[in-house]
PDB file of N, CA and C in Angstrom:
ATOM      1  N   MET A   1     -17.807 -86.780   7.963  1.00  0.00           N
ATOM      2  CA  MET A   1     -17.425 -86.184   9.225  1.00  0.00           C
ATOM      3  C   MET A   1     -18.563 -85.268   9.674  1.00  0.00           C
ATOM      4  N   GLN A   2     -18.867 -85.290  10.973  1.00  0.00           N
ATOM      5  CA  GLN A   2     -19.908 -84.430  11.526  1.00  0.00           C
ATOM      6  C   GLN A   2     -19.337 -83.606  12.666  1.00  0.00           C
ATOM      7  N   ASP A   3     -19.887 -82.391  12.816  1.00  0.00           N
ATOM      8  CA  ASP A   3     -19.460 -81.583  13.959  1.00  0.00           C
ATOM      9  C   ASP A   3     -20.303 -81.964  15.167  1.00  0.00           C
ATOM     10  N   ALA A   4     -20.102 -81.285  16.281  1.00  0.00           N
ATOM     11  CA  ALA A   4     -20.787 -81.623  17.535  1.00  0.00           C
ATOM     12  C   ALA A   4     -22.301 -81.520  17.430  1.00  0.00           C
ATOM     13  N   SER A   5     -22.806 -80.669  16.546  1.00  0.00           N
ATOM     14  CA  SER A   5     -24.257 -80.508  16.423  1.00  0.00           C
ATOM     15  C   SER A   5     -24.863 -81.490  15.434  1.00  0.00           C
ATOM     16  N   GLY A   6     -24.027 -82.347  14.849  1.00  0.00           N
ATOM     17  CA  GLY A   6     -24.530 -83.328  13.906  1.00  0.00           C
ATOM     18  C   GLY A   6     -24.539 -82.855  12.468  1.00  0.00           C
ATOM     19  N   ILE A   7     -24.012 -81.657  12.215  1.00  0.00           N
ATOM     20  CA  ILE A   7     -23.960 -81.147  10.845  1.00  0.00           C
ATOM     21  C   ILE A   7     -22.841 -81.856  10.103  1.00  0.00           C
ATOM     22  N   ARG A   8     -23.150 -82.316   8.910  1.00  0.00           N
ATOM     23  CA  ARG A   8     -22.177 -83.038   8.105  1.00  0.00           C
ATOM     24  C   ARG A   8     -21.163 -82.064   7.516  1.00  0.00           C
ATOM     25  N   LEU A   9     -19.887 -82.361   7.691  1.00  0.00           N
ATOM     26  CA  LEU A   9     -18.810 -81.548   7.143  1.00  0.00           C
ATOM     27  C   LEU A   9     -18.148 -82.319   6.014  1.00  0.00           C
ATOM     28  N   THR A  10     -17.921 -81.654   4.907  1.00  0.00           N
ATOM     29  CA  THR A  10     -17.322 -82.296   3.751  1.00  0.00           C
ATOM     30  C   THR A  10     -16.042 -81.572   3.378  1.00  0.00           C
ATOM     31  N   VAL A  11     -15.008 -82.344   3.124  1.00  0.00           N
ATOM     32  CA  VAL A  11     -13.751 -81.767   2.661  1.00  0.00           C
ATOM     33  C   VAL A  11     -13.769 -81.794   1.142  1.00  0.00           C
ATOM     34  N   ILE A  12     -13.504 -80.660   0.523  1.00  0.00           N
ATOM     35  CA  ILE A  12     -13.439 -80.582  -0.930  1.00  0.00           C
ATOM     36  C   ILE A  12     -11.975 -80.497  -1.310  1.00  0.00           C
ATOM     37  N   ASP A  13     -11.545 -81.405  -2.167  1.00  0.00           N
ATOM     38  CA  ASP A  13     -10.148 -81.424  -2.577  1.00  0.00           C
ATOM     39  C   ASP A  13      -9.904 -80.331  -3.598  1.00  0.00           C
ATOM     40  N   ASP A  14      -9.097 -79.357  -3.217  1.00  0.00           N
ATOM     41  CA  ASP A  14      -8.781 -78.255  -4.123  1.00  0.00           C
ATOM     42  C   ASP A  14      -7.467 -78.496  -4.852  1.00  0.00           C
ATOM     43  N   GLY A  15      -6.894 -79.681  -4.661  1.00  0.00           N
ATOM     44  CA  GLY A  15      -5.643 -80.007  -5.324  1.00  0.00           C
ATOM     45  C   GLY A  15      -4.422 -79.484  -4.589  1.00  0.00           C
ATOM     46  N   LYS A  16      -4.639 -78.737  -3.532  1.00  0.00           N
ATOM     47  CA  LYS A  16      -3.526 -78.159  -2.780  1.00  0.00           C
ATOM     48  C   LYS A  16      -3.221 -78.976  -1.526  1.00  0.00           C
ATOM     49  N   GLY A  17      -3.978 -80.027  -1.313  1.00  0.00           N
ATOM     50  CA  GLY A  17      -3.775 -80.825  -0.115  1.00  0.00           C
ATOM     51  C   GLY A  17      -4.565 -80.261   1.046  1.00  0.00           C
ATOM     52  N   PHE A  18      -4.594 -81.013   2.130  1.00  0.00           N
ATOM     53  CA  PHE A  18      -5.363 -80.584   3.296  1.00  0.00           C
ATOM     54  C   PHE A  18      -4.520 -80.749   4.540  1.00  0.00           C
ATOM     55  N   ASP A  19      -4.521 -79.773   5.357  1.00  0.00           N
ATOM     56  CA  ASP A  19      -3.823 -79.799   6.639  1.00  0.00           C
ATOM     57  C   ASP A  19      -4.785 -79.217   7.661  1.00  0.00           C
ATOM     58  N   ALA A  20      -5.129 -79.977   8.667  1.00  0.00           N
ATOM     59  CA  ALA A  20      -6.118 -79.535   9.654  1.00  0.00           C
ATOM     60  C   ALA A  20      -5.689 -78.273  10.383  1.00  0.00           C
ATOM     61  N   GLN A  21      -4.419 -77.929  10.333  1.00  0.00           N
ATOM     62  CA  GLN A  21      -3.939 -76.740  11.020  1.00  0.00           C
ATOM     63  C   GLN A  21      -3.602 -75.616  10.039  1.00  0.00           C
ATOM     64  N   CYS A  22      -4.167 -75.662   8.853  1.00  0.00           N
ATOM     65  CA  CYS A  22      -3.846 -74.661   7.831  1.00  0.00           C
ATOM     66  C   CYS A  22      -4.906 -73.574   7.744  1.00  0.00           C
ATOM     67  N   SER A  23      -5.714 -73.433   8.776  1.00  0.00           N
ATOM     68  CA  SER A  23      -6.808 -72.456   8.758  1.00  0.00           C
ATOM     69  C   SER A  23      -7.739 -72.733   7.588  1.00  0.00           C
ATOM     70  N   GLY A  24      -8.063 -73.999   7.402  1.00  0.00           N
ATOM     71  CA  GLY A  24      -8.950 -74.393   6.321  1.00  0.00           C
ATOM     72  C   GLY A  24     -10.276 -73.663   6.388  1.00  0.00           C
ATOM     73  N   ILE A  25     -10.929 -73.559   5.272  1.00  0.00           N
ATOM     74  CA  ILE A  25     -12.181 -72.815   5.174  1.00  0.00           C
ATOM     75  C   ILE A  25     -13.309 -73.820   5.005  1.00  0.00           C
ATOM     76  N   TRP A  26     -14.285 -73.741   5.871  1.00  0.00           N
ATOM     77  CA  TRP A  26     -15.430 -74.634   5.826  1.00  0.00           C
ATOM     78  C   TRP A  26     -16.636 -73.852   5.329  1.00  0.00           C
ATOM     79  N   CYS A  27     -17.373 -74.459   4.429  1.00  0.00           N
ATOM     80  CA  CYS A  27     -18.568 -73.816   3.868  1.00  0.00           C
ATOM     81  C   CYS A  27     -19.819 -74.473   4.428  1.00  0.00           C
ATOM     82  N   ASP A  28     -20.807 -73.673   4.717  1.00  0.00           N
ATOM     83  CA  ASP A  28     -22.114 -74.196   5.084  1.00  0.00           C
ATOM     84  C   ASP A  28     -22.789 -74.725   3.826  1.00  0.00           C
ATOM     85  N   TYR A  29     -23.878 -75.446   4.022  1.00  0.00           N
ATOM     86  CA  TYR A  29     -24.600 -76.035   2.900  1.00  0.00           C
ATOM     87  C   TYR A  29     -24.965 -74.959   1.882  1.00  0.00           C
ATOM     88  N   GLY A  30     -24.608 -75.196   0.632  1.00  0.00           N
ATOM     89  CA  GLY A  30     -24.960 -74.290  -0.456  1.00  0.00           C
ATOM     90  C   GLY A  30     -23.960 -73.176  -0.696  1.00  0.00           C
ATOM     91  N   GLU A  31     -23.086 -72.910   0.276  1.00  0.00           N
ATOM     92  CA  GLU A  31     -22.135 -71.804   0.107  1.00  0.00           C
ATOM     93  C   GLU A  31     -21.115 -72.081  -0.999  1.00  0.00           C
ATOM     94  N   TRP A  32     -20.658 -73.333  -1.096  1.00  0.00           N
ATOM     95  CA  TRP A  32     -19.680 -73.657  -2.130  1.00  0.00           C
ATOM     96  C   TRP A  32     -20.274 -73.422  -3.516  1.00  0.00           C
ATOM     97  N   ASP A  33     -21.535 -73.798  -3.695  1.00  0.00           N
ATOM     98  CA  ASP A  33     -22.199 -73.585  -4.983  1.00  0.00           C
ATOM     99  C   ASP A  33     -22.265 -72.100  -5.321  1.00  0.00           C
ATOM    100  N   ILE A  34     -22.560 -71.272  -4.328  1.00  0.00           N
ATOM    101  CA  ILE A  34     -22.627 -69.823  -4.546  1.00  0.00           C
ATOM    102  C   ILE A  34     -21.252 -69.285  -4.904  1.00  0.00           C
ATOM    103  N   LEU A  35     -20.226 -69.723  -4.171  1.00  0.00           N
ATOM    104  CA  LEU A  35     -18.861 -69.282  -4.475  1.00  0.00           C
ATOM    105  C   LEU A  35     -18.462 -69.681  -5.891  1.00  0.00           C
ATOM    106  N   THR A  36     -18.861 -70.882  -6.302  1.00  0.00           N
ATOM    107  CA  THR A  36     -18.560 -71.345  -7.655  1.00  0.00           C
ATOM    108  C   THR A  36     -19.277 -70.488  -8.689  1.00  0.00           C
ATOM    109  N   GLN A  37     -20.554 -70.200  -8.460  1.00  0.00           N
ATOM    110  CA  GLN A  37     -21.319 -69.362  -9.388  1.00  0.00           C
ATOM    111  C   GLN A  37     -20.716 -67.975  -9.525  1.00  0.00           C
ATOM    112  N   LEU A  38     -20.182 -67.439  -8.429  1.00  0.00           N
ATOM    113  CA  LEU A  38     -19.582 -66.106  -8.446  1.00  0.00           C
ATOM    114  C   LEU A  38     -18.141 -66.121  -8.941  1.00  0.00           C
ATOM    115  N   GLY A  39     -17.612 -67.314  -9.205  1.00  0.00           N
ATOM    116  CA  GLY A  39     -16.240 -67.425  -9.679  1.00  0.00           C
ATOM    117  C   GLY A  39     -15.211 -67.199  -8.588  1.00  0.00           C
ATOM    118  N   LEU A  40     -15.615 -67.341  -7.337  1.00  0.00           N
ATOM    119  CA  LEU A  40     -14.713 -67.083  -6.214  1.00  0.00           C
ATOM    120  C   LEU A  40     -14.122 -68.366  -5.624  1.00  0.00           C
ATOM    121  N   HIS A  41     -14.572 -69.517  -6.101  1.00  0.00           N
ATOM    122  CA  HIS A  41     -14.141 -70.786  -5.522  1.00  0.00           C
ATOM    123  C   HIS A  41     -12.652 -71.059  -5.692  1.00  0.00           C
ATOM    124  N   SER A  42     -12.047 -70.543  -6.744  1.00  0.00           N
ATOM    125  CA  SER A  42     -10.630 -70.819  -6.988  1.00  0.00           C
ATOM    126  C   SER A  42      -9.702 -69.861  -6.244  1.00  0.00           C
ATOM    127  N   THR A  43     -10.266 -68.803  -5.693  1.00  0.00           N
ATOM    128  CA  THR A  43      -9.448 -67.831  -4.955  1.00  0.00           C
ATOM    129  C   THR A  43     -10.078 -67.529  -3.598  1.00  0.00           C
ATOM    130  N   ILE A  44     -10.670 -68.535  -2.999  1.00  0.00           N
ATOM    131  CA  ILE A  44     -11.423 -68.327  -1.762  1.00  0.00           C
ATOM    132  C   ILE A  44     -10.552 -67.763  -0.641  1.00  0.00           C
ATOM    133  N   GLU A  45      -9.274 -68.125  -0.619  1.00  0.00           N
ATOM    134  CA  GLU A  45      -8.407 -67.612   0.450  1.00  0.00           C
ATOM    135  C   GLU A  45      -8.289 -66.094   0.388  1.00  0.00           C
ATOM    136  N   ARG A  46      -8.486 -65.529  -0.798  1.00  0.00           N
ATOM    137  CA  ARG A  46      -8.422 -64.076  -0.973  1.00  0.00           C
ATOM    138  C   ARG A  46      -9.537 -63.370  -0.191  1.00  0.00           C
ATOM    139  N   LEU A  47     -10.686 -64.043  -0.050  1.00  0.00           N
ATOM    140  CA  LEU A  47     -11.811 -63.451   0.676  1.00  0.00           C
ATOM    141  C   LEU A  47     -11.463 -63.154   2.127  1.00  0.00           C
ATOM    142  N   PHE A  48     -10.491 -63.857   2.639  1.00  0.00           N
ATOM    143  CA  PHE A  48     -10.131 -63.704   4.039  1.00  0.00           C
ATOM    144  C   PHE A  48      -8.835 -62.923   4.231  1.00  0.00           C
ATOM    145  N   SER A  49      -8.278 -62.421   3.132  1.00  0.00           N
ATOM    146  CA  SER A  49      -7.053 -61.632   3.246  1.00  0.00           C
ATOM    147  C   SER A  49      -7.392 -60.237   3.762  1.00  0.00           C
ATOM    148  N   SER A  50      -6.459 -59.627   4.448  1.00  0.00           N
ATOM    149  CA  SER A  50      -6.704 -58.290   4.988  1.00  0.00           C
ATOM    150  C   SER A  50      -6.904 -57.281   3.860  1.00  0.00           C
ATOM    151  N   GLU A  51      -6.202 -57.463   2.739  1.00  0.00           N
ATOM    152  CA  GLU A  51      -6.357 -56.537   1.615  1.00  0.00           C
ATOM    153  C   GLU A  51      -7.786 -56.566   1.071  1.00  0.00           C
ATOM    154  N   TRP A  52      -8.334 -57.762   0.912  1.00  0.00           N
ATOM    155  CA  TRP A  52      -9.683 -57.896   0.370  1.00  0.00           C
ATOM    156  C   TRP A  52     -10.696 -57.316   1.350  1.00  0.00           C
ATOM    157  N   GLN A  53     -10.509 -57.592   2.631  1.00  0.00           N
ATOM    158  CA  GLN A  53     -11.415 -57.068   3.652  1.00  0.00           C
ATOM    159  C   GLN A  53     -11.390 -55.541   3.667  1.00  0.00           C
ATOM    160  N   ILE A  54     -10.207 -54.948   3.504  1.00  0.00           N
ATOM    161  CA  ILE A  54     -10.085 -53.487   3.450  1.00  0.00           C
ATOM    162  C   ILE A  54     -10.836 -52.948   2.244  1.00  0.00           C
ATOM    163  N   GLN A  55     -10.671 -53.602   1.091  1.00  0.00           N
ATOM    164  CA  GLN A  55     -11.374 -53.162  -0.121  1.00  0.00           C
ATOM    165  C   GLN A  55     -12.883 -53.212   0.067  1.00  0.00           C
ATOM    166  N   VAL A  56     -13.367 -54.261   0.686  1.00  0.00           N
ATOM    167  CA  VAL A  56     -14.813 -54.397   0.919  1.00  0.00           C
ATOM    168  C   VAL A  56     -15.303 -53.277   1.825  1.00  0.00           C
ATOM    169  N   ARG A  57     -14.564 -53.012   2.910  1.00  0.00           N
ATOM    170  CA  ARG A  57     -14.964 -51.937   3.828  1.00  0.00           C
ATOM    171  C   ARG A  57     -14.941 -50.578   3.132  1.00  0.00           C
ATOM    172  N   GLU A  58     -13.934 -50.331   2.306  1.00  0.00           N
ATOM    173  CA  GLU A  58     -13.853 -49.058   1.585  1.00  0.00           C
ATOM    174  C   GLU A  58     -15.028 -48.895   0.623  1.00  0.00           C
ATOM    175  N   LYS A  59     -15.385 -49.968  -0.072  1.00  0.00           N
ATOM    176  CA  LYS A  59     -16.528 -49.910  -0.993  1.00  0.00           C
ATOM    177  C   LYS A  59     -17.831 -49.671  -0.232  1.00  0.00           C
ATOM    178  N   GLN A  60     -17.976 -50.332   0.913  1.00  0.00           N
ATOM    179  CA  GLN A  60     -19.181 -50.135   1.720  1.00  0.00           C
ATOM    180  C   GLN A  60     -19.262 -48.699   2.221  1.00  0.00           C
ATOM    181  N   GLN A  61     -18.141 -48.149   2.663  1.00  0.00           N
ATOM    182  CA  GLN A  61     -18.116 -46.774   3.156  1.00  0.00           C
ATOM    183  C   GLN A  61     -18.441 -45.794   2.032  1.00  0.00           C
ATOM    184  N   ALA A  62     -17.872 -46.024   0.854  1.00  0.00           N
ATOM    185  CA  ALA A  62     -18.147 -45.148  -0.288  1.00  0.00           C
ATOM    186  C   ALA A  62     -19.625 -45.193  -0.652  1.00  0.00           C
ATOM    187  N   GLN A  63     -20.233 -46.375  -0.590  1.00  0.00           N
ATOM    188  CA  GLN A  63     -21.653 -46.504  -0.897  1.00  0.00           C
ATOM    189  C   GLN A  63     -22.504 -45.779   0.140  1.00  0.00           C
ATOM    190  N   LYS A  64     -22.119 -45.869   1.418  1.00  0.00           N
ATOM    191  CA  LYS A  64     -22.852 -45.158   2.474  1.00  0.00           C
ATOM    192  C   LYS A  64     -22.758 -43.648   2.270  1.00  0.00           C
ATOM    193  N   GLU A  65     -21.564 -43.169   1.933  1.00  0.00           N
ATOM    194  CA  GLU A  65     -21.378 -41.735   1.692  1.00  0.00           C
ATOM    195  C   GLU A  65     -22.222 -41.279   0.509  1.00  0.00           C
ATOM    196  N   ARG A  66     -22.217 -42.089  -0.535  1.00  0.00           N
ATOM    197  CA  ARG A  66     -22.993 -41.762  -1.733  1.00  0.00           C
ATOM    198  C   ARG A  66     -24.482 -41.674  -1.391  1.00  0.00           C
ATOM    199  N   GLN A  67     -24.975 -42.650  -0.628  1.00  0.00           N
ATOM    200  CA  GLN A  67     -26.390 -42.670  -0.253  1.00  0.00           C
ATOM    201  C   GLN A  67     -26.733 -41.483   0.638  1.00  0.00           C
ATOM    202  N   ALA A  68     -25.843 -41.150   1.572  1.00  0.00           N
ATOM    203  CA  ALA A  68     -26.082 -40.000   2.458  1.00  0.00           C
ATOM    204  C   ALA A  68     -26.148 -38.713   1.650  1.00  0.00           C
ATOM    205  N   LEU A  69     -25.282 -38.578   0.651  1.00  0.00           N
ATOM    206  CA  LEU A  69     -25.287 -37.384  -0.190  1.00  0.00           C
ATOM    207  C   LEU A  69     -26.602 -37.279  -0.962  1.00  0.00           C
ATOM    208  N   ILE A  70     -27.077 -38.383  -1.485  1.00  0.00           N
ATOM    209  CA  ILE A  70     -28.356 -38.396  -2.206  1.00  0.00           C
ATOM    210  C   ILE A  70     -29.487 -37.983  -1.269  1.00  0.00           C
ATOM    211  N   GLU A  71     -29.490 -38.518  -0.046  1.00  0.00           N
ATOM    212  CA  GLU A  71     -30.552 -38.199   0.911  1.00  0.00           C
ATOM    213  C   GLU A  71     -30.520 -36.734   1.330  1.00  0.00           C
ATOM    214  N   LYS A  72     -29.336 -36.172   1.506  1.00  0.00           N
ATOM    215  CA  LYS A  72     -29.216 -34.780   1.968  1.00  0.00           C
ATOM    216  C   LYS A  72     -29.400 -33.761   0.851  1.00  0.00           C
ATOM    217  N   MET A  73     -28.942 -34.084  -0.354  1.00  0.00           N
ATOM    218  CA  MET A  73     -28.923 -33.112  -1.442  1.00  0.00           C
ATOM    219  C   MET A  73     -29.998 -33.355  -2.501  1.00  0.00           C
ATOM    220  N   GLY A  74     -30.578 -34.534  -2.495  1.00  0.00           N
ATOM    221  CA  GLY A  74     -31.511 -34.890  -3.552  1.00  0.00           C
ATOM    222  C   GLY A  74     -30.751 -35.518  -4.711  1.00  0.00           C
ATOM    223  N   MET A  75     -31.436 -36.356  -5.462  1.00  0.00           N
ATOM    224  CA  MET A  75     -30.789 -37.125  -6.528  1.00  0.00           C
ATOM    225  C   MET A  75     -30.169 -36.233  -7.605  1.00  0.00           C
ATOM    226  N   GLU A  76     -30.896 -35.204  -8.030  1.00  0.00           N
ATOM    227  CA  GLU A  76     -30.412 -34.374  -9.137  1.00  0.00           C
ATOM    228  C   GLU A  76     -29.099 -33.671  -8.787  1.00  0.00           C
ATOM    229  N   LEU A  77     -29.059 -33.003  -7.636  1.00  0.00           N
ATOM    230  CA  LEU A  77     -27.837 -32.303  -7.238  1.00  0.00           C
ATOM    231  C   LEU A  77     -26.722 -33.305  -6.920  1.00  0.00           C
ATOM    232  N   ALA A  78     -27.077 -34.418  -6.305  1.00  0.00           N
ATOM    233  CA  ALA A  78     -26.073 -35.443  -5.997  1.00  0.00           C
ATOM    234  C   ALA A  78     -25.406 -35.942  -7.275  1.00  0.00           C
ATOM    235  N   GLU A  79     -26.181 -36.164  -8.320  1.00  0.00           N
ATOM    236  CA  GLU A  79     -25.605 -36.607  -9.597  1.00  0.00           C
ATOM    237  C   GLU A  79     -24.630 -35.568 -10.144  1.00  0.00           C
ATOM    238  N   HIS A  80     -24.983 -34.286 -10.034  1.00  0.00           N
ATOM    239  CA  HIS A  80     -24.062 -33.223 -10.463  1.00  0.00           C
ATOM    240  C   HIS A  80     -22.766 -33.290  -9.655  1.00  0.00           C
ATOM    241  N   LEU A  81     -22.899 -33.500  -8.349  1.00  0.00           N
ATOM    242  CA  LEU A  81     -21.717 -33.570  -7.490  1.00  0.00           C
ATOM    243  C   LEU A  81     -20.850 -34.787  -7.816  1.00  0.00           C
ATOM    244  N   PHE A  82     -21.479 -35.929  -8.088  1.00  0.00           N
ATOM    245  CA  PHE A  82     -20.716 -37.123  -8.461  1.00  0.00           C
ATOM    246  C   PHE A  82     -19.941 -36.871  -9.753  1.00  0.00           C
ATOM    247  N   ASP A  83     -20.622 -36.243 -10.720  1.00  0.00           N
ATOM    248  CA  ASP A  83     -19.968 -35.934 -11.995  1.00  0.00           C
ATOM    249  C   ASP A  83     -18.815 -34.956 -11.796  1.00  0.00           C
ATOM    250  N   LEU A  84     -19.056 -33.908 -11.007  1.00  0.00           N
ATOM    251  CA  LEU A  84     -18.018 -32.911 -10.750  1.00  0.00           C
ATOM    252  C   LEU A  84     -16.831 -33.544 -10.027  1.00  0.00           C
ATOM    253  N   ALA A  85     -17.107 -34.408  -9.067  1.00  0.00           N
ATOM    254  CA  ALA A  85     -16.029 -35.080  -8.338  1.00  0.00           C
ATOM    255  C   ALA A  85     -15.155 -35.884  -9.294  1.00  0.00           C
ATOM    256  N   GLU A  86     -15.777 -36.570 -10.234  1.00  0.00           N
ATOM    257  CA  GLU A  86     -15.020 -37.359 -11.205  1.00  0.00           C
ATOM    258  C   GLU A  86     -14.163 -36.462 -12.092  1.00  0.00           C
ATOM    259  N   VAL A  87     -14.746 -35.350 -12.549  1.00  0.00           N
ATOM    260  CA  VAL A  87     -13.996 -34.407 -13.386  1.00  0.00           C
ATOM    261  C   VAL A  87     -12.798 -33.858 -12.613  1.00  0.00           C
ATOM    262  N   LEU A  88     -13.025 -33.451 -11.361  1.00  0.00           N
ATOM    263  CA  LEU A  88     -11.938 -32.884 -10.556  1.00  0.00           C
ATOM    264  C   LEU A  88     -10.862 -33.920 -10.240  1.00  0.00           C
ATOM    265  N   GLN A  89     -11.266 -35.154 -10.001  1.00  0.00           N
ATOM    266  CA  GLN A  89     -10.291 -36.218  -9.731  1.00  0.00           C
ATOM    267  C   GLN A  89      -9.377 -36.449 -10.927  1.00  0.00           C
ATOM    268  N   ASN A  90      -9.912 -36.280 -12.117  1.00  0.00           N
ATOM    269  CA  ASN A  90      -9.150 -36.551 -13.335  1.00  0.00           C
ATOM    270  C   ASN A  90      -8.428 -35.328 -13.883  1.00  0.00           C
ATOM    271  N   HIS A  91      -8.637 -34.180 -13.281  1.00  0.00           N
ATOM    272  CA  HIS A  91      -7.998 -32.950 -13.760  1.00  0.00           C
ATOM    273  C   HIS A  91      -6.685 -32.738 -13.006  1.00  0.00           C
ATOM    274  N   PRO A  92      -5.630 -32.323 -13.701  1.00  0.00           N
ATOM    275  CA  PRO A  92      -4.343 -32.130 -13.017  1.00  0.00           C
ATOM    276  C   PRO A  92      -4.384 -31.060 -11.924  1.00  0.00           C
ATOM    277  N   ASN A  93      -5.307 -30.114 -12.008  1.00  0.00           N
ATOM    278  CA  ASN A  93      -5.441 -29.073 -10.984  1.00  0.00           C
ATOM    279  C   ASN A  93      -6.771 -29.184 -10.248  1.00  0.00           C
ATOM    280  N   GLY A  94      -7.271 -30.400 -10.151  1.00  0.00           N
ATOM    281  CA  GLY A  94      -8.552 -30.626  -9.491  1.00  0.00           C
ATOM    282  C   GLY A  94      -8.570 -30.162  -8.049  1.00  0.00           C
ATOM    283  N   ASP A  95      -7.434 -30.258  -7.376  1.00  0.00           N
ATOM    284  CA  ASP A  95      -7.377 -29.820  -5.979  1.00  0.00           C
ATOM    285  C   ASP A  95      -7.643 -28.324  -5.852  1.00  0.00           C
ATOM    286  N   PHE A  96      -7.261 -27.543  -6.849  1.00  0.00           N
ATOM    287  CA  PHE A  96      -7.524 -26.106  -6.850  1.00  0.00           C
ATOM    288  C   PHE A  96      -9.034 -25.857  -6.921  1.00  0.00           C
ATOM    289  N   GLY A  97      -9.718 -26.627  -7.766  1.00  0.00           N
ATOM    290  CA  GLY A  97     -11.170 -26.509  -7.872  1.00  0.00           C
ATOM    291  C   GLY A  97     -11.870 -26.880  -6.579  1.00  0.00           C
ATOM    292  N   VAL A  98     -11.394 -27.931  -5.927  1.00  0.00           N
ATOM    293  CA  VAL A  98     -11.973 -28.349  -4.648  1.00  0.00           C
ATOM    294  C   VAL A  98     -11.771 -27.262  -3.598  1.00  0.00           C
ATOM    295  N   ALA A  99     -10.571 -26.677  -3.555  1.00  0.00           N
ATOM    296  CA  ALA A  99     -10.286 -25.607  -2.589  1.00  0.00           C
ATOM    297  C   ALA A  99     -11.204 -24.413  -2.829  1.00  0.00           C
ATOM    298  N   TYR A 100     -11.429 -24.074  -4.090  1.00  0.00           N
ATOM    299  CA  TYR A 100     -12.326 -22.969  -4.435  1.00  0.00           C
ATOM    300  C   TYR A 100     -13.730 -23.239  -3.898  1.00  0.00           C
ATOM    301  N   LEU A 101     -14.232 -24.423  -4.155  1.00  0.00           N
ATOM    302  CA  LEU A 101     -15.575 -24.784  -3.686  1.00  0.00           C
ATOM    303  C   LEU A 101     -15.660 -24.762  -2.161  1.00  0.00           C
ATOM    304  N   MET A 102     -14.674 -25.319  -1.502  1.00  0.00           N
ATOM    305  CA  MET A 102     -14.696 -25.356  -0.031  1.00  0.00           C
ATOM    306  C   MET A 102     -14.677 -23.948   0.548  1.00  0.00           C
ATOM    307  N   ARG A 103     -13.856 -23.085  -0.009  1.00  0.00           N
ATOM    308  CA  ARG A 103     -13.765 -21.715   0.491  1.00  0.00           C
ATOM    309  C   ARG A 103     -15.093 -20.990   0.303  1.00  0.00           C
ATOM    310  N   ASN A 104     -15.687 -21.115  -0.863  1.00  0.00           N
ATOM    311  CA  ASN A 104     -16.939 -20.423  -1.143  1.00  0.00           C
ATOM    312  C   ASN A 104     -18.101 -20.969  -0.326  1.00  0.00           C
ATOM    313  N   VAL A 105     -18.179 -22.248  -0.175  1.00  0.00           N
ATOM    314  CA  VAL A 105     -19.253 -22.841   0.624  1.00  0.00           C
ATOM    315  C   VAL A 105     -19.063 -22.470   2.089  1.00  0.00           C
ATOM    316  N   SER A 106     -17.833 -22.510   2.578  1.00  0.00           N
ATOM    317  CA  SER A 106     -17.546 -22.151   3.968  1.00  0.00           C
ATOM    318  C   SER A 106     -17.935 -20.704   4.253  1.00  0.00           C
ATOM    319  N   GLU A 107     -17.587 -19.797   3.348  1.00  0.00           N
ATOM    320  CA  GLU A 107     -17.943 -18.383   3.519  1.00  0.00           C
ATOM    321  C   GLU A 107     -19.452 -18.201   3.526  1.00  0.00           C
ATOM    322  N   SER A 108     -20.140 -18.914   2.657  1.00  0.00           N
ATOM    323  CA  SER A 108     -21.594 -18.818   2.575  1.00  0.00           C
ATOM    324  C   SER A 108     -22.243 -19.315   3.866  1.00  0.00           C
ATOM    325  N   VAL A 109     -21.746 -20.413   4.404  1.00  0.00           N
ATOM    326  CA  VAL A 109     -22.288 -20.971   5.643  1.00  0.00           C
ATOM    327  C   VAL A 109     -22.056 -20.005   6.799  1.00  0.00           C
ATOM    328  N   GLN A 110     -20.872 -19.416   6.860  1.00  0.00           N
ATOM    329  CA  GLN A 110     -20.569 -18.458   7.932  1.00  0.00           C
ATOM    330  C   GLN A 110     -21.491 -17.247   7.860  1.00  0.00           C
ATOM    331  N   GLN A 111     -21.748 -16.741   6.667  1.00  0.00           N
ATOM    332  CA  GLN A 111     -22.641 -15.591   6.505  1.00  0.00           C
ATOM    333  C   GLN A 111     -24.064 -15.950   6.911  1.00  0.00           C
ATOM    334  N   ASN A 112     -24.509 -17.127   6.558  1.00  0.00           N
ATOM    335  CA  ASN A 112     -25.864 -17.562   6.923  1.00  0.00           C
ATOM    336  C   ASN A 112     -26.003 -17.761   8.426  1.00  0.00           C
ATOM    337  N   ASN A 113     -24.944 -18.176   9.084  1.00  0.00           N
ATOM    338  CA  ASN A 113     -24.989 -18.373  10.536  1.00  0.00           C
ATOM    339  C   ASN A 113     -25.041 -17.048  11.292  1.00  0.00           C
ATOM    340  N   LYS A 114     -24.552 -15.974  10.684  1.00  0.00           N
ATOM    341  CA  LYS A 114     -24.567 -14.658  11.323  1.00  0.00           C
ATOM    342  C   LYS A 114     -25.949 -14.028  11.276  1.00  0.00           C
ATOM    343  N   LYS A 115     -26.772 -14.480  10.362  1.00  0.00           N
ATOM    344  CA  LYS A 115     -28.102 -13.872  10.176  1.00  0.00           C
ATOM    345  C   LYS A 115     -29.054 -14.261  11.258  1.00  0.00           C
TER     346      LYS A 115
END
């Protein structure tokens, strides 16, 4: 089967049957091999689920935040902050520690702005 541009389309039997109106997933040349190598070929429908898309966006956002922190604070201080964040997340009163830091940093910033 070919599409309008002459590109050959191949149906891969996944054992679940094929229905042209089932929102089937078409792979470009080489994509199926990559999905197979990554172990995603058996759960490909998951890639298009809203839950998976949300997880991907959250991971991308977390990576952007992490990179921004490194750029603004420098690698050494950023590593300390990442470690501290993990400790506070795992501590039953971690929110108290975060509040302490926010209050102290906020007061320091306000004092510096008055100068």
